[in-house]
Amino acid sequence: MDGESDLFESLRAELRRGSLSLAVLARLRVERYGYTLRQALAEDGLDMEESTLYPLLRRLEAQGLLVSEWREEEKRKKRFYVLSPAGEIMLERLIGEWQAISASLEKITGKAV
């Protein structure tokens, strides 16, 4: 890769980082296990590697925003995640912040974000 491509990828990763947390919280309004969460995000256009998703899920749970439990389904143990009450409150706050940022960026760039 050339320098410009490297720079773009670096800035792109930085831009995506916070967006992924918001997307995961929003998708976990409904209980899901990791694989189905990953599929739902991909269907929405946000592909995420397992090496990104699972550490993010653990971090959000450690922060008290998610709760999880192990269950057996189809003869396999799966960890199901869902928003905690604190996660629901935080999600609403983050959505408000995202909307404000999007509105500002639309003004600044002259393009809908």
PDB file of N, CA and C in Angstrom:
ATOM      1  N   MET A   1       0.830  -1.194   0.000  1.00  0.00           N
ATOM      2  CA  MET A   1       0.000   0.000   0.000  1.00  0.00           C
ATOM      3  C   MET A   1       0.866   1.245   0.000  1.00  0.00           C
ATOM      4  N   ASP A   2       0.380   2.265  -0.658  1.00  0.00           N
ATOM      5  CA  ASP A   2       1.118   3.520  -0.639  1.00  0.00           C
ATOM      6  C   ASP A   2       0.728   4.326   0.608  1.00  0.00           C
ATOM      7  N   GLY A   3       1.424   5.412   0.822  1.00  0.00           N
ATOM      8  CA  GLY A   3       1.205   6.227   2.013  1.00  0.00           C
ATOM      9  C   GLY A   3      -0.200   6.768   2.135  1.00  0.00           C
ATOM     10  N   GLU A   4      -0.771   7.191   1.003  1.00  0.00           N
ATOM     11  CA  GLU A   4      -2.129   7.736   1.030  1.00  0.00           C
ATOM     12  C   GLU A   4      -3.142   6.663   1.420  1.00  0.00           C
ATOM     13  N   SER A   5      -2.987   5.469   0.893  1.00  0.00           N
ATOM     14  CA  SER A   5      -3.881   4.361   1.235  1.00  0.00           C
ATOM     15  C   SER A   5      -3.746   3.983   2.701  1.00  0.00           C
ATOM     16  N   ASP A   6      -2.508   3.962   3.197  1.00  0.00           N
ATOM     17  CA  ASP A   6      -2.266   3.657   4.608  1.00  0.00           C
ATOM     18  C   ASP A   6      -2.935   4.686   5.505  1.00  0.00           C
ATOM     19  N   LEU A   7      -2.795   5.943   5.138  1.00  0.00           N
ATOM     20  CA  LEU A   7      -3.396   7.021   5.916  1.00  0.00           C
ATOM     21  C   LEU A   7      -4.916   6.896   5.899  1.00  0.00           C
ATOM     22  N   PHE A   8      -5.494   6.643   4.720  1.00  0.00           N
ATOM     23  CA  PHE A   8      -6.941   6.484   4.630  1.00  0.00           C
ATOM     24  C   PHE A   8      -7.407   5.339   5.523  1.00  0.00           C
ATOM     25  N   GLU A   9      -6.736   4.206   5.464  1.00  0.00           N
ATOM     26  CA  GLU A   9      -7.135   3.046   6.276  1.00  0.00           C
ATOM     27  C   GLU A   9      -7.031   3.347   7.764  1.00  0.00           C
ATOM     28  N   SER A  10      -6.019   4.078   8.154  1.00  0.00           N
ATOM     29  CA  SER A  10      -5.858   4.462   9.556  1.00  0.00           C
ATOM     30  C   SER A  10      -7.000   5.372  10.014  1.00  0.00           C
ATOM     31  N   LEU A  11      -7.300   6.379   9.213  1.00  0.00           N
ATOM     32  CA  LEU A  11      -8.390   7.301   9.547  1.00  0.00           C
ATOM     33  C   LEU A  11      -9.745   6.603   9.491  1.00  0.00           C
ATOM     34  N   ARG A  12      -9.906   5.704   8.549  1.00  0.00           N
ATOM     35  CA  ARG A  12     -11.146   4.932   8.430  1.00  0.00           C
ATOM     36  C   ARG A  12     -11.365   4.082   9.668  1.00  0.00           C
ATOM     37  N   ALA A  13     -10.310   3.411  10.131  1.00  0.00           N
ATOM     38  CA  ALA A  13     -10.412   2.564  11.330  1.00  0.00           C
ATOM     39  C   ALA A  13     -10.781   3.399  12.551  1.00  0.00           C
ATOM     40  N   GLU A  14     -10.193   4.582  12.650  1.00  0.00           N
ATOM     41  CA  GLU A  14     -10.495   5.479  13.763  1.00  0.00           C
ATOM     42  C   GLU A  14     -11.961   5.917  13.727  1.00  0.00           C
ATOM     43  N   LEU A  15     -12.441   6.248  12.552  1.00  0.00           N
ATOM     44  CA  LEU A  15     -13.831   6.663  12.367  1.00  0.00           C
ATOM     45  C   LEU A  15     -14.803   5.536  12.725  1.00  0.00           C
ATOM     46  N   ARG A  16     -14.476   4.327  12.314  1.00  0.00           N
ATOM     47  CA  ARG A  16     -15.348   3.167  12.555  1.00  0.00           C
ATOM     48  C   ARG A  16     -15.400   2.751  14.021  1.00  0.00           C
ATOM     49  N   ARG A  17     -14.298   2.941  14.744  1.00  0.00           N
ATOM     50  CA  ARG A  17     -14.165   2.403  16.100  1.00  0.00           C
ATOM     51  C   ARG A  17     -15.351   2.768  16.987  1.00  0.00           C
ATOM     52  N   GLY A  18     -15.663   4.031  17.110  1.00  0.00           N
ATOM     53  CA  GLY A  18     -16.782   4.454  17.947  1.00  0.00           C
ATOM     54  C   GLY A  18     -18.124   4.063  17.367  1.00  0.00           C
ATOM     55  N   SER A  19     -18.209   4.043  16.060  1.00  0.00           N
ATOM     56  CA  SER A  19     -19.468   3.678  15.401  1.00  0.00           C
ATOM     57  C   SER A  19     -19.840   2.228  15.675  1.00  0.00           C
ATOM     58  N   LEU A  20     -18.841   1.364  15.769  1.00  0.00           N
ATOM     59  CA  LEU A  20     -19.102  -0.053  16.005  1.00  0.00           C
ATOM     60  C   LEU A  20     -19.722  -0.275  17.377  1.00  0.00           C
ATOM     61  N   SER A  21     -19.265   0.442  18.382  1.00  0.00           N
ATOM     62  CA  SER A  21     -19.853   0.311  19.719  1.00  0.00           C
ATOM     63  C   SER A  21     -21.327   0.688  19.691  1.00  0.00           C
ATOM     64  N   LEU A  22     -21.631   1.790  19.038  1.00  0.00           N
ATOM     65  CA  LEU A  22     -23.021   2.234  18.928  1.00  0.00           C
ATOM     66  C   LEU A  22     -23.856   1.199  18.185  1.00  0.00           C
ATOM     67  N   ALA A  23     -23.334   0.667  17.096  1.00  0.00           N
ATOM     68  CA  ALA A  23     -24.071  -0.335  16.313  1.00  0.00           C
ATOM     69  C   ALA A  23     -24.326  -1.607  17.120  1.00  0.00           C
ATOM     70  N   VAL A  24     -23.325  -2.059  17.851  1.00  0.00           N
ATOM     71  CA  VAL A  24     -23.481  -3.271  18.671  1.00  0.00           C
ATOM     72  C   VAL A  24     -24.536  -3.043  19.750  1.00  0.00           C
ATOM     73  N   LEU A  25     -24.459  -1.922  20.431  1.00  0.00           N
ATOM     74  CA  LEU A  25     -25.466  -1.634  21.462  1.00  0.00           C
ATOM     75  C   LEU A  25     -26.867  -1.584  20.855  1.00  0.00           C
ATOM     76  N   ALA A  26     -27.002  -0.940  19.721  1.00  0.00           N
ATOM     77  CA  ALA A  26     -28.315  -0.827  19.083  1.00  0.00           C
ATOM     78  C   ALA A  26     -28.857  -2.200  18.667  1.00  0.00           C
ATOM     79  N   ARG A  27     -28.003  -3.047  18.127  1.00  0.00           N
ATOM     80  CA  ARG A  27     -28.437  -4.383  17.693  1.00  0.00           C
ATOM     81  C   ARG A  27     -28.744  -5.292  18.878  1.00  0.00           C
ATOM     82  N   LEU A  28     -28.196  -4.974  20.056  1.00  0.00           N
ATOM     83  CA  LEU A  28     -28.441  -5.817  21.220  1.00  0.00           C
ATOM     84  C   LEU A  28     -29.618  -5.346  22.066  1.00  0.00           C
ATOM     85  N   ARG A  29     -30.479  -4.554  21.446  1.00  0.00           N
ATOM     86  CA  ARG A  29     -31.781  -4.304  22.075  1.00  0.00           C
ATOM     87  C   ARG A  29     -32.538  -5.627  22.125  1.00  0.00           C
ATOM     88  N   VAL A  30     -32.205  -6.486  21.159  1.00  0.00           N
ATOM     89  CA  VAL A  30     -32.763  -7.835  21.067  1.00  0.00           C
ATOM     90  C   VAL A  30     -31.635  -8.807  21.381  1.00  0.00           C
ATOM     91  N   GLU A  31     -31.913  -9.796  22.214  1.00  0.00           N
ATOM     92  CA  GLU A  31     -30.887 -10.762  22.604  1.00  0.00           C
ATOM     93  C   GLU A  31     -30.361 -11.531  21.392  1.00  0.00           C
ATOM     94  N   ARG A  32     -29.034 -11.661  21.344  1.00  0.00           N
ATOM     95  CA  ARG A  32     -28.373 -12.391  20.259  1.00  0.00           C
ATOM     96  C   ARG A  32     -27.108 -13.027  20.800  1.00  0.00           C
ATOM     97  N   TYR A  33     -26.643 -14.042  20.098  1.00  0.00           N
ATOM     98  CA  TYR A  33     -25.301 -14.543  20.399  1.00  0.00           C
ATOM     99  C   TYR A  33     -24.368 -13.998  19.323  1.00  0.00           C
ATOM    100  N   GLY A  34     -23.071 -14.140  19.550  1.00  0.00           N
ATOM    101  CA  GLY A  34     -22.072 -13.475  18.732  1.00  0.00           C
ATOM    102  C   GLY A  34     -22.241 -13.655  17.236  1.00  0.00           C
ATOM    103  N   TYR A  35     -22.445 -14.886  16.799  1.00  0.00           N
ATOM    104  CA  TYR A  35     -22.534 -15.142  15.365  1.00  0.00           C
ATOM    105  C   TYR A  35     -23.724 -14.427  14.733  1.00  0.00           C
ATOM    106  N   THR A  36     -24.897 -14.491  15.380  1.00  0.00           N
ATOM    107  CA  THR A  36     -26.078 -13.839  14.798  1.00  0.00           C
ATOM    108  C   THR A  36     -25.951 -12.320  14.864  1.00  0.00           C
ATOM    109  N   LEU A  37     -25.246 -11.817  15.870  1.00  0.00           N
ATOM    110  CA  LEU A  37     -24.983 -10.381  15.942  1.00  0.00           C
ATOM    111  C   LEU A  37     -24.099  -9.960  14.777  1.00  0.00           C
ATOM    112  N   ARG A  38     -23.070 -10.726  14.548  1.00  0.00           N
ATOM    113  CA  ARG A  38     -22.156 -10.439  13.429  1.00  0.00           C
ATOM    114  C   ARG A  38     -22.904 -10.454  12.098  1.00  0.00           C
ATOM    115  N   GLN A  39     -23.789 -11.425  11.917  1.00  0.00           N
ATOM    116  CA  GLN A  39     -24.590 -11.511  10.687  1.00  0.00           C
ATOM    117  C   GLN A  39     -25.488 -10.287  10.534  1.00  0.00           C
ATOM    118  N   ALA A  40     -26.161  -9.903  11.615  1.00  0.00           N
ATOM    119  CA  ALA A  40     -27.065  -8.751  11.556  1.00  0.00           C
ATOM    120  C   ALA A  40     -26.307  -7.481  11.197  1.00  0.00           C
ATOM    121  N   LEU A  41     -25.143  -7.298  11.791  1.00  0.00           N
ATOM    122  CA  LEU A  41     -24.333  -6.124  11.478  1.00  0.00           C
ATOM    123  C   LEU A  41     -23.879  -6.146  10.017  1.00  0.00           C
ATOM    124  N   ALA A  42     -23.481  -7.315   9.536  1.00  0.00           N
ATOM    125  CA  ALA A  42     -23.039  -7.438   8.135  1.00  0.00           C
ATOM    126  C   ALA A  42     -24.189  -7.125   7.184  1.00  0.00           C
ATOM    127  N   GLU A  43     -25.389  -7.595   7.516  1.00  0.00           N
ATOM    128  CA  GLU A  43     -26.558  -7.306   6.669  1.00  0.00           C
ATOM    129  C   GLU A  43     -26.838  -5.808   6.612  1.00  0.00           C
ATOM    130  N   ASP A  44     -26.452  -5.101   7.684  1.00  0.00           N
ATOM    131  CA  ASP A  44     -26.627  -3.647   7.729  1.00  0.00           C
ATOM    132  C   ASP A  44     -25.453  -2.901   7.114  1.00  0.00           C
ATOM    133  N   GLY A  45     -24.455  -3.644   6.601  1.00  0.00           N
ATOM    134  CA  GLY A  45     -23.314  -3.022   5.946  1.00  0.00           C
ATOM    135  C   GLY A  45     -22.112  -2.802   6.845  1.00  0.00           C
ATOM    136  N   LEU A  46     -22.136  -3.345   8.063  1.00  0.00           N
ATOM    137  CA  LEU A  46     -21.008  -3.197   8.983  1.00  0.00           C
ATOM    138  C   LEU A  46     -20.362  -4.552   9.241  1.00  0.00           C
ATOM    139  N   ASP A  47     -19.501  -4.956   8.332  1.00  0.00           N
ATOM    140  CA  ASP A  47     -18.766  -6.197   8.536  1.00  0.00           C
ATOM    141  C   ASP A  47     -17.782  -6.003   9.678  1.00  0.00           C
ATOM    142  N   MET A  48     -17.699  -7.018  10.526  1.00  0.00           N
ATOM    143  CA  MET A  48     -16.806  -6.930  11.668  1.00  0.00           C
ATOM    144  C   MET A  48     -16.155  -8.292  11.882  1.00  0.00           C
ATOM    145  N   GLU A  49     -14.855  -8.295  12.029  1.00  0.00           N
ATOM    146  CA  GLU A  49     -14.130  -9.532  12.293  1.00  0.00           C
ATOM    147  C   GLU A  49     -14.430 -10.008  13.713  1.00  0.00           C
ATOM    148  N   GLU A  50     -14.359 -11.319  13.911  1.00  0.00           N
ATOM    149  CA  GLU A  50     -14.547 -11.876  15.254  1.00  0.00           C
ATOM    150  C   GLU A  50     -13.533 -11.286  16.224  1.00  0.00           C
ATOM    151  N   SER A  51     -12.322 -11.054  15.740  1.00  0.00           N
ATOM    152  CA  SER A  51     -11.256 -10.515  16.593  1.00  0.00           C
ATOM    153  C   SER A  51     -11.549  -9.087  17.050  1.00  0.00           C
ATOM    154  N   THR A  52     -12.508  -8.439  16.417  1.00  0.00           N
ATOM    155  CA  THR A  52     -12.959  -7.116  16.834  1.00  0.00           C
ATOM    156  C   THR A  52     -14.216  -7.232  17.686  1.00  0.00           C
ATOM    157  N   LEU A  53     -15.145  -8.082  17.263  1.00  0.00           N
ATOM    158  CA  LEU A  53     -16.443  -8.187  17.927  1.00  0.00           C
ATOM    159  C   LEU A  53     -16.343  -8.714  19.353  1.00  0.00           C
ATOM    160  N   TYR A  54     -15.685  -9.825  19.560  1.00  0.00           N
ATOM    161  CA  TYR A  54     -15.714 -10.454  20.883  1.00  0.00           C
ATOM    162  C   TYR A  54     -15.014  -9.630  21.957  1.00  0.00           C
ATOM    163  N   PRO A  55     -13.867  -9.023  21.677  1.00  0.00           N
ATOM    164  CA  PRO A  55     -13.304  -8.115  22.685  1.00  0.00           C
ATOM    165  C   PRO A  55     -14.226  -6.923  22.980  1.00  0.00           C
ATOM    166  N   LEU A  56     -14.900  -6.421  21.949  1.00  0.00           N
ATOM    167  CA  LEU A  56     -15.840  -5.322  22.142  1.00  0.00           C
ATOM    168  C   LEU A  56     -16.996  -5.763  23.043  1.00  0.00           C
ATOM    169  N   LEU A  57     -17.537  -6.948  22.803  1.00  0.00           N
ATOM    170  CA  LEU A  57     -18.616  -7.461  23.652  1.00  0.00           C
ATOM    171  C   LEU A  57     -18.157  -7.600  25.102  1.00  0.00           C
ATOM    172  N   ARG A  58     -16.962  -8.131  25.307  1.00  0.00           N
ATOM    173  CA  ARG A  58     -16.439  -8.282  26.675  1.00  0.00           C
ATOM    174  C   ARG A  58     -16.258  -6.920  27.344  1.00  0.00           C
ATOM    175  N   ARG A  59     -15.755  -5.940  26.589  1.00  0.00           N
ATOM    176  CA  ARG A  59     -15.554  -4.611  27.155  1.00  0.00           C
ATOM    177  C   ARG A  59     -16.892  -3.961  27.527  1.00  0.00           C
ATOM    178  N   LEU A  60     -17.868  -4.055  26.643  1.00  0.00           N
ATOM    179  CA  LEU A  60     -19.181  -3.465  26.926  1.00  0.00           C
ATOM    180  C   LEU A  60     -19.844  -4.135  28.121  1.00  0.00           C
ATOM    181  N   GLU A  61     -19.632  -5.439  28.255  1.00  0.00           N
ATOM    182  CA  GLU A  61     -20.194  -6.145  29.411  1.00  0.00           C
ATOM    183  C   GLU A  61     -19.471  -5.713  30.688  1.00  0.00           C
ATOM    184  N   ALA A  62     -18.152  -5.598  30.636  1.00  0.00           N
ATOM    185  CA  ALA A  62     -17.377  -5.152  31.807  1.00  0.00           C
ATOM    186  C   ALA A  62     -17.781  -3.740  32.226  1.00  0.00           C
ATOM    187  N   GLN A  63     -18.206  -2.926  31.263  1.00  0.00           N
ATOM    188  CA  GLN A  63     -18.649  -1.567  31.556  1.00  0.00           C
ATOM    189  C   GLN A  63     -20.085  -1.534  32.083  1.00  0.00           C
ATOM    190  N   GLY A  64     -20.736  -2.692  32.153  1.00  0.00           N
ATOM    191  CA  GLY A  64     -22.096  -2.768  32.678  1.00  0.00           C
ATOM    192  C   GLY A  64     -23.173  -2.449  31.669  1.00  0.00           C
ATOM    193  N   LEU A  65     -22.822  -2.381  30.377  1.00  0.00           N
ATOM    194  CA  LEU A  65     -23.796  -2.012  29.350  1.00  0.00           C
ATOM    195  C   LEU A  65     -24.498  -3.219  28.740  1.00  0.00           C
ATOM    196  N   LEU A  66     -23.925  -4.402  28.919  1.00  0.00           N
ATOM    197  CA  LEU A  66     -24.513  -5.648  28.432  1.00  0.00           C
ATOM    198  C   LEU A  66     -24.566  -6.655  29.559  1.00  0.00           C
ATOM    199  N   VAL A  67     -25.492  -7.586  29.437  1.00  0.00           N
ATOM    200  CA  VAL A  67     -25.499  -8.771  30.290  1.00  0.00           C
ATOM    201  C   VAL A  67     -25.467  -9.966  29.351  1.00  0.00           C
ATOM    202  N   SER A  68     -24.899 -11.056  29.843  1.00  0.00           N
ATOM    203  CA  SER A  68     -24.811 -12.240  28.996  1.00  0.00           C
ATOM    204  C   SER A  68     -25.062 -13.483  29.831  1.00  0.00           C
ATOM    205  N   GLU A  69     -25.395 -14.549  29.132  1.00  0.00           N
ATOM    206  CA  GLU A  69     -25.524 -15.845  29.794  1.00  0.00           C
ATOM    207  C   GLU A  69     -25.246 -16.944  28.783  1.00  0.00           C
ATOM    208  N   TRP A  70     -24.667 -18.028  29.296  1.00  0.00           N
ATOM    209  CA  TRP A  70     -24.399 -19.197  28.473  1.00  0.00           C
ATOM    210  C   TRP A  70     -25.630 -20.065  28.453  1.00  0.00           C
ATOM    211  N   ARG A  71     -25.986 -20.535  27.262  1.00  0.00           N
ATOM    212  CA  ARG A  71     -27.107 -21.468  27.115  1.00  0.00           C
ATOM    213  C   ARG A  71     -26.743 -22.493  26.061  1.00  0.00           C
ATOM    214  N   GLU A  72     -27.359 -23.641  26.172  1.00  0.00           N
ATOM    215  CA  GLU A  72     -27.151 -24.663  25.153  1.00  0.00           C
ATOM    216  C   GLU A  72     -28.254 -24.527  24.113  1.00  0.00           C
ATOM    217  N   GLU A  73     -27.842 -24.456  22.866  1.00  0.00           N
ATOM    218  CA  GLU A  73     -28.782 -24.364  21.754  1.00  0.00           C
ATOM    219  C   GLU A  73     -28.214 -25.212  20.628  1.00  0.00           C
ATOM    220  N   GLU A  74     -29.046 -26.049  20.070  1.00  0.00           N
ATOM    221  CA  GLU A  74     -28.609 -26.945  18.994  1.00  0.00           C
ATOM    222  C   GLU A  74     -27.380 -27.749  19.421  1.00  0.00           C
ATOM    223  N   LYS A  75     -27.419 -28.224  20.666  1.00  0.00           N
ATOM    224  CA  LYS A  75     -26.359 -29.056  21.259  1.00  0.00           C
ATOM    225  C   LYS A  75     -25.009 -28.357  21.367  1.00  0.00           C
ATOM    226  N   ARG A  76     -25.031 -27.024  21.327  1.00  0.00           N
ATOM    227  CA  ARG A  76     -23.799 -26.242  21.485  1.00  0.00           C
ATOM    228  C   ARG A  76     -24.042 -25.157  22.519  1.00  0.00           C
ATOM    229  N   LYS A  77     -23.029 -24.884  23.325  1.00  0.00           N
ATOM    230  CA  LYS A  77     -23.139 -23.787  24.285  1.00  0.00           C
ATOM    231  C   LYS A  77     -22.857 -22.482  23.551  1.00  0.00           C
ATOM    232  N   LYS A  78     -23.755 -21.519  23.758  1.00  0.00           N
ATOM    233  CA  LYS A  78     -23.616 -20.208  23.119  1.00  0.00           C
ATOM    234  C   LYS A  78     -23.827 -19.137  24.172  1.00  0.00           C
ATOM    235  N   ARG A  79     -23.091 -18.062  24.028  1.00  0.00           N
ATOM    236  CA  ARG A  79     -23.225 -16.945  24.953  1.00  0.00           C
ATOM    237  C   ARG A  79     -24.135 -15.901  24.321  1.00  0.00           C
ATOM    238  N   PHE A  80     -25.241 -15.642  24.990  1.00  0.00           N
ATOM    239  CA  PHE A  80     -26.222 -14.677  24.511  1.00  0.00           C
ATOM    240  C   PHE A  80     -26.028 -13.351  25.229  1.00  0.00           C
ATOM    241  N   TYR A  81     -26.133 -12.265  24.462  1.00  0.00           N
ATOM    242  CA  TYR A  81     -25.928 -10.917  24.980  1.00  0.00           C
ATOM    243  C   TYR A  81     -27.187 -10.094  24.764  1.00  0.00           C
ATOM    244  N   VAL A  82     -27.430  -9.163  25.671  1.00  0.00           N
ATOM    245  CA  VAL A  82     -28.528  -8.212  25.534  1.00  0.00           C
ATOM    246  C   VAL A  82     -28.158  -6.971  26.346  1.00  0.00           C
ATOM    247  N   LEU A  83     -28.752  -5.848  25.989  1.00  0.00           N
ATOM    248  CA  LEU A  83     -28.505  -4.618  26.739  1.00  0.00           C
ATOM    249  C   LEU A  83     -28.945  -4.767  28.186  1.00  0.00           C
ATOM    250  N   SER A  84     -28.166  -4.209  29.071  1.00  0.00           N
ATOM    251  CA  SER A  84     -28.574  -4.095  30.472  1.00  0.00           C
ATOM    252  C   SER A  84     -29.430  -2.829  30.590  1.00  0.00           C
ATOM    253  N   PRO A  85     -30.090  -2.617  31.720  1.00  0.00           N
ATOM    254  CA  PRO A  85     -30.815  -1.345  31.888  1.00  0.00           C
ATOM    255  C   PRO A  85     -29.888  -0.133  31.718  1.00  0.00           C
ATOM    256  N   ALA A  86     -28.669  -0.220  32.237  1.00  0.00           N
ATOM    257  CA  ALA A  86     -27.709   0.882  32.053  1.00  0.00           C
ATOM    258  C   ALA A  86     -27.335   1.024  30.579  1.00  0.00           C
ATOM    259  N   GLY A  87     -27.271  -0.097  29.864  1.00  0.00           N
ATOM    260  CA  GLY A  87     -26.968  -0.076  28.439  1.00  0.00           C
ATOM    261  C   GLY A  87     -28.061   0.601  27.635  1.00  0.00           C
ATOM    262  N   GLU A  88     -29.305   0.380  28.033  1.00  0.00           N
ATOM    263  CA  GLU A  88     -30.431   1.026  27.343  1.00  0.00           C
ATOM    264  C   GLU A  88     -30.350   2.544  27.496  1.00  0.00           C
ATOM    265  N   ILE A  89     -30.042   2.997  28.703  1.00  0.00           N
ATOM    266  CA  ILE A  89     -29.912   4.440  28.952  1.00  0.00           C
ATOM    267  C   ILE A  89     -28.746   5.008  28.150  1.00  0.00           C
ATOM    268  N   MET A  90     -27.606   4.307  28.196  1.00  0.00           N
ATOM    269  CA  MET A  90     -26.423   4.780  27.474  1.00  0.00           C
ATOM    270  C   MET A  90     -26.670   4.813  25.973  1.00  0.00           C
ATOM    271  N   LEU A  91     -27.356   3.804  25.442  1.00  0.00           N
ATOM    272  CA  LEU A  91     -27.651   3.775  24.018  1.00  0.00           C
ATOM    273  C   LEU A  91     -28.447   5.011  23.614  1.00  0.00           C
ATOM    274  N   GLU A  92     -29.461   5.359  24.370  1.00  0.00           N
ATOM    275  CA  GLU A  92     -30.268   6.530  24.033  1.00  0.00           C
ATOM    276  C   GLU A  92     -29.421   7.804  24.070  1.00  0.00           C
ATOM    277  N   ARG A  93     -28.543   7.902  25.049  1.00  0.00           N
ATOM    278  CA  ARG A  93     -27.658   9.070  25.120  1.00  0.00           C
ATOM    279  C   ARG A  93     -26.714   9.115  23.922  1.00  0.00           C
ATOM    280  N   LEU A  94     -26.158   7.967  23.564  1.00  0.00           N
ATOM    281  CA  LEU A  94     -25.235   7.910  22.427  1.00  0.00           C
ATOM    282  C   LEU A  94     -25.934   8.203  21.106  1.00  0.00           C
ATOM    283  N   ILE A  95     -27.172   7.744  20.969  1.00  0.00           N
ATOM    284  CA  ILE A  95     -27.934   8.047  19.749  1.00  0.00           C
ATOM    285  C   ILE A  95     -28.125   9.558  19.630  1.00  0.00           C
ATOM    286  N   GLY A  96     -28.456  10.204  20.727  1.00  0.00           N
ATOM    287  CA  GLY A  96     -28.609  11.658  20.717  1.00  0.00           C
ATOM    288  C   GLY A  96     -27.320  12.357  20.318  1.00  0.00           C
ATOM    289  N   GLU A  97     -26.209  11.874  20.842  1.00  0.00           N
ATOM    290  CA  GLU A  97     -24.906  12.452  20.501  1.00  0.00           C
ATOM    291  C   GLU A  97     -24.576  12.218  19.032  1.00  0.00           C
ATOM    292  N   TRP A  98     -24.852  10.998  18.563  1.00  0.00           N
ATOM    293  CA  TRP A  98     -24.599  10.659  17.151  1.00  0.00           C
ATOM    294  C   TRP A  98     -25.414  11.571  16.228  1.00  0.00           C
ATOM    295  N   GLN A  99     -26.677  11.797  16.586  1.00  0.00           N
ATOM    296  CA  GLN A  99     -27.528  12.663  15.764  1.00  0.00           C
ATOM    297  C   GLN A  99     -26.986  14.089  15.730  1.00  0.00           C
ATOM    298  N   ALA A 100     -26.503  14.573  16.868  1.00  0.00           N
ATOM    299  CA  ALA A 100     -25.948  15.932  16.917  1.00  0.00           C
ATOM    300  C   ALA A 100     -24.676  16.022  16.074  1.00  0.00           C
ATOM    301  N   ILE A 101     -23.820  15.022  16.177  1.00  0.00           N
ATOM    302  CA  ILE A 101     -22.585  15.002  15.387  1.00  0.00           C
ATOM    303  C   ILE A 101     -22.912  14.933  13.898  1.00  0.00           C
ATOM    304  N   SER A 102     -23.863  14.069  13.535  1.00  0.00           N
ATOM    305  CA  SER A 102     -24.254  13.935  12.128  1.00  0.00           C
ATOM    306  C   SER A 102     -24.788  15.257  11.579  1.00  0.00           C
ATOM    307  N   ALA A 103     -25.619  15.934  12.373  1.00  0.00           N
ATOM    308  CA  ALA A 103     -26.167  17.216  11.923  1.00  0.00           C
ATOM    309  C   ALA A 103     -25.050  18.235  11.728  1.00  0.00           C
ATOM    310  N   SER A 104     -24.106  18.261  12.638  1.00  0.00           N
ATOM    311  CA  SER A 104     -22.967  19.186  12.512  1.00  0.00           C
ATOM    312  C   SER A 104     -22.136  18.865  11.289  1.00  0.00           C
ATOM    313  N   LEU A 105     -21.865  17.589  11.048  1.00  0.00           N
ATOM    314  CA  LEU A 105     -21.066  17.200   9.896  1.00  0.00           C
ATOM    315  C   LEU A 105     -21.776  17.521   8.588  1.00  0.00           C
ATOM    316  N   GLU A 106     -23.098  17.399   8.571  1.00  0.00           N
ATOM    317  CA  GLU A 106     -23.835  17.778   7.378  1.00  0.00           C
ATOM    318  C   GLU A 106     -23.665  19.254   7.082  1.00  0.00           C
ATOM    319  N   LYS A 107     -23.701  20.091   8.116  1.00  0.00           N
ATOM    320  CA  LYS A 107     -23.498  21.534   7.937  1.00  0.00           C
ATOM    321  C   LYS A 107     -22.072  21.807   7.451  1.00  0.00           C
ATOM    322  N   ILE A 108     -21.112  21.171   8.071  1.00  0.00           N
ATOM    323  CA  ILE A 108     -19.705  21.429   7.764  1.00  0.00           C
ATOM    324  C   ILE A 108     -19.344  20.955   6.360  1.00  0.00           C
ATOM    325  N   THR A 109     -19.790  19.759   5.988  1.00  0.00           N
ATOM    326  CA  THR A 109     -19.411  19.196   4.692  1.00  0.00           C
ATOM    327  C   THR A 109     -20.350  19.569   3.572  1.00  0.00           C
ATOM    328  N   GLY A 110     -21.549  20.002   3.926  1.00  0.00           N
ATOM    329  CA  GLY A 110     -22.543  20.309   2.905  1.00  0.00           C
ATOM    330  C   GLY A 110     -23.145  19.069   2.296  1.00  0.00           C
ATOM    331  N   LYS A 111     -22.942  17.922   2.930  1.00  0.00           N
ATOM    332  CA  LYS A 111     -23.462  16.638   2.424  1.00  0.00           C
ATOM    333  C   LYS A 111     -24.160  15.893   3.551  1.00  0.00           C
ATOM    334  N   ALA A 112     -25.223  15.181   3.194  1.00  0.00           N
ATOM    335  CA  ALA A 112     -25.900  14.349   4.178  1.00  0.00           C
ATOM    336  C   ALA A 112     -24.966  13.218   4.572  1.00  0.00           C
ATOM    337  N   VAL A 113     -24.906  12.967   5.878  1.00  0.00           N
ATOM    338  CA  VAL A 113     -24.013  11.920   6.380  1.00  0.00           C
ATOM    339  C   VAL A 113     -24.803  10.660   6.634  1.00  0.00           C
TER     340      VAL A 113
END
